[in-house]
C-alpha atoms as a PDB file:
ATOM      1  CA  MET A   1     101.987  95.127 156.530  1.00  0.00           C
ATOM      2  CA  PRO A   2     104.453  93.483 158.937  1.00  0.00           C
ATOM      3  CA  ASN A   3     103.328  89.945 159.626  1.00  0.00           C
ATOM      4  CA  GLU A   4     104.840  87.012 161.479  1.00  0.00           C
ATOM      5  CA  GLU A   5     106.684  85.644 158.449  1.00  0.00           C
ATOM      6  CA  GLU A   6     108.273  89.016 157.740  1.00  0.00           C
ATOM      7  CA  ALA A   7     109.257  89.367 161.370  1.00  0.00           C
ATOM      8  CA  LYS A   8     110.956  85.964 161.305  1.00  0.00           C
ATOM      9  CA  GLN A   9     112.816  86.787 158.100  1.00  0.00           C
ATOM     10  CA  ALA A  10     113.998  90.148 159.416  1.00  0.00           C
ATOM     11  CA  LYS A  11     115.041  88.444 162.668  1.00  0.00           C
ATOM     12  CA  LYS A  12     114.341  91.678 164.510  1.00  0.00           C
ATOM     13  CA  LYS A  13     111.069  93.237 165.460  1.00  0.00           C
ATOM     14  CA  ILE A  14     112.423  96.744 165.192  1.00  0.00           C
ATOM     15  CA  PRO A  15     110.124  98.792 162.936  1.00  0.00           C
ATOM     16  CA  SER A  16     112.968 100.196 160.868  1.00  0.00           C
ATOM     17  CA  ALA A  17     114.323  96.688 160.248  1.00  0.00           C
ATOM     18  CA  LEU A  18     110.892  95.524 159.109  1.00  0.00           C
ATOM     19  CA  LYS A  19     110.593  98.502 156.769  1.00  0.00           C
ATOM     20  CA  ARG A  20     114.048  97.881 155.287  1.00  0.00           C
ATOM     21  CA  HIS A  21     113.091  94.261 154.741  1.00  0.00           C
ATOM     22  CA  ARG A  22     109.873  95.267 152.937  1.00  0.00           C
ATOM     23  CA  GLN A  23     111.845  97.695 150.791  1.00  0.00           C
ATOM     24  CA  SER A  24     114.429  95.052 149.912  1.00  0.00           C
ATOM     25  CA  LEU A  25     111.677  92.650 148.830  1.00  0.00           C
ATOM     26  CA  LYS A  26     110.176  95.320 146.560  1.00  0.00           C
ATOM     27  CA  ARG A  27     113.574  96.145 145.065  1.00  0.00           C
ATOM     28  CA  GLN A  28     114.314  92.459 144.558  1.00  0.00           C
ATOM     29  CA  MET A  29     111.073  92.067 142.618  1.00  0.00           C
ATOM     30  CA  VAL A  30     111.762  95.126 140.435  1.00  0.00           C
ATOM     31  CA  ASN A  31     115.347  94.036 139.730  1.00  0.00           C
ATOM     32  CA  LYS A  32     114.167  90.549 138.819  1.00  0.00           C
ATOM     33  CA  MET A  33     111.635  92.067 136.422  1.00  0.00           C
ATOM     34  CA  ARG A  34     114.286  94.243 134.758  1.00  0.00           C
ATOM     35  CA  LYS A  35     116.724  91.360 134.361  1.00  0.00           C
ATOM     36  CA  SER A  36     113.954  89.211 132.933  1.00  0.00           C
ATOM     37  CA  ARG A  37     113.109  91.915 130.378  1.00  0.00           C
ATOM     38  CA  VAL A  38     116.737  92.074 129.281  1.00  0.00           C
ATOM     39  CA  LYS A  39     116.991  88.290 128.966  1.00  0.00           C
ATOM     40  CA  ASN A  40     113.743  88.048 127.000  1.00  0.00           C
ATOM     41  CA  ILE A  41     114.719  90.741 124.494  1.00  0.00           C
ATOM     42  CA  GLU A  42     118.166  89.139 124.088  1.00  0.00           C
ATOM     43  CA  ALA A  43     116.568  85.763 123.387  1.00  0.00           C
ATOM     44  CA  LYS A  44     114.275  87.379 120.841  1.00  0.00           C
ATOM     45  CA  LEU A  45     117.275  89.068 119.195  1.00  0.00           C
ATOM     46  CA  ASN A  46     119.188  85.782 119.048  1.00  0.00           C
ATOM     47  CA  ALA A  47     116.216  84.072 117.416  1.00  0.00           C
ATOM     48  CA  LEU A  48     115.960  86.861 114.828  1.00  0.00           C
ATOM     49  CA  ILE A  49     119.686  86.604 114.095  1.00  0.00           C
ATOM     50  CA  LYS A  50     119.248  82.889 113.384  1.00  0.00           C
ATOM     51  CA  GLU A  51     116.360  83.679 111.029  1.00  0.00           C
ATOM     52  CA  GLY A  52     118.447  86.312 109.266  1.00  0.00           C
ATOM     53  CA  ASN A  53     115.855  89.100 108.994  1.00  0.00           C
ATOM     54  CA  LYS A  54     118.081  92.219 109.000  1.00  0.00           C
ATOM     55  CA  GLU A  55     115.355  94.848 109.418  1.00  0.00           C
ATOM     56  CA  GLU A  56     113.768  93.090 112.374  1.00  0.00           C
ATOM     57  CA  VAL A  57     117.195  92.479 113.894  1.00  0.00           C
ATOM     58  CA  GLN A  58     118.018  96.204 113.798  1.00  0.00           C
ATOM     59  CA  LYS A  59     114.718  97.107 115.485  1.00  0.00           C
ATOM     60  CA  CYS A  60     115.213  94.465 118.139  1.00  0.00           C
ATOM     61  CA  LEU A  61     118.838  95.502 118.679  1.00  0.00           C
ATOM     62  CA  SER A  62     117.676  99.041 119.399  1.00  0.00           C
ATOM     63  CA  LYS A  63     115.120  97.771 121.929  1.00  0.00           C
ATOM     64  CA  CYS A  64     117.765  95.566 123.499  1.00  0.00           C
ATOM     65  CA  PHE A  65     120.127  98.522 123.891  1.00  0.00           C
ATOM     66  CA  SER A  66     117.332 100.497 125.500  1.00  0.00           C
ATOM     67  CA  GLU A  67     116.542  97.776 128.040  1.00  0.00           C
ATOM     68  CA  LEU A  68     120.235  97.298 128.871  1.00  0.00           C
ATOM     69  CA  ASP A  69     120.686 101.042 129.369  1.00  0.00           C
ATOM     70  CA  LYS A  70     117.618 101.245 131.608  1.00  0.00           C
ATOM     71  CA  ALA A  71     118.807  98.332 133.736  1.00  0.00           C
ATOM     72  CA  ALA A  72     122.272  99.894 134.048  1.00  0.00           C
ATOM     73  CA  LYS A  73     120.880 103.340 134.822  1.00  0.00           C
ATOM     74  CA  LYS A  74     118.767 101.974 137.680  1.00  0.00           C
ATOM     75  CA  GLY A  75     121.669  99.900 139.029  1.00  0.00           C
ATOM     76  CA  THR A  76     120.170  96.487 138.331  1.00  0.00           C
ATOM     77  CA  ILE A  77     123.248  95.550 136.320  1.00  0.00           C
ATOM     78  CA  HIS A  78     126.629  97.262 136.202  1.00  0.00           C
ATOM     79  CA  ILE A  79     127.116  99.776 133.403  1.00  0.00           C
ATOM     80  CA  ASN A  80     130.205  97.938 132.145  1.00  0.00           C
ATOM     81  CA  LYS A  81     128.241  94.695 131.900  1.00  0.00           C
ATOM     82  CA  ALA A  82     125.604  96.506 129.836  1.00  0.00           C
ATOM     83  CA  ASN A  83     128.286  97.956 127.567  1.00  0.00           C
ATOM     84  CA  ASN A  84     129.947  94.558 127.125  1.00  0.00           C
ATOM     85  CA  LYS A  85     126.633  92.964 126.194  1.00  0.00           C
ATOM     86  CA  LYS A  86     125.866  95.752 123.720  1.00  0.00           C
ATOM     87  CA  SER A  87     129.288  95.341 122.139  1.00  0.00           C
ATOM     88  CA  ARG A  88     128.933  91.576 121.792  1.00  0.00           C
ATOM     89  CA  LEU A  89     125.409  91.825 120.396  1.00  0.00           C
ATOM     90  CA  THR A  90     126.534  94.439 117.873  1.00  0.00           C
ATOM     91  CA  ALA A  91     129.372  92.154 116.787  1.00  0.00           C
ATOM     92  CA  ARG A  92     126.946  89.250 116.311  1.00  0.00           C
ATOM     93  CA  VAL A  93     124.650  91.435 114.194  1.00  0.00           C
ATOM     94  CA  ALA A  94     127.595  92.700 112.117  1.00  0.00           C
ATOM     95  CA  LYS A  95     128.799  89.133 111.599  1.00  0.00           C
ATOM     96  CA  MET A  96     125.319  88.184 110.386  1.00  0.00           C
ATOM     97  CA  ALA A  97     125.383  90.813 107.604  1.00  0.00           C
END
């Protein structure tokens, strides 16, 4: 799979450097996907909080916690950042009630 563009980006034509570069691109894509999932579920939760539907908010909060935990477990975001977000979201939901 190494092509000219990859070789230029890696700046070395050493096979191990090319492989590391390919791996980093794959990881970057996966991390971006995970962060996007977290942001989307948070936006959905915020919209539900504005609407004021408590049952839907609780379901969405659970999904949000799950996505944050998955992202933290895989190292996409730091575990403390995930915990801070969960705490703040829980406070917003409690304030809504």
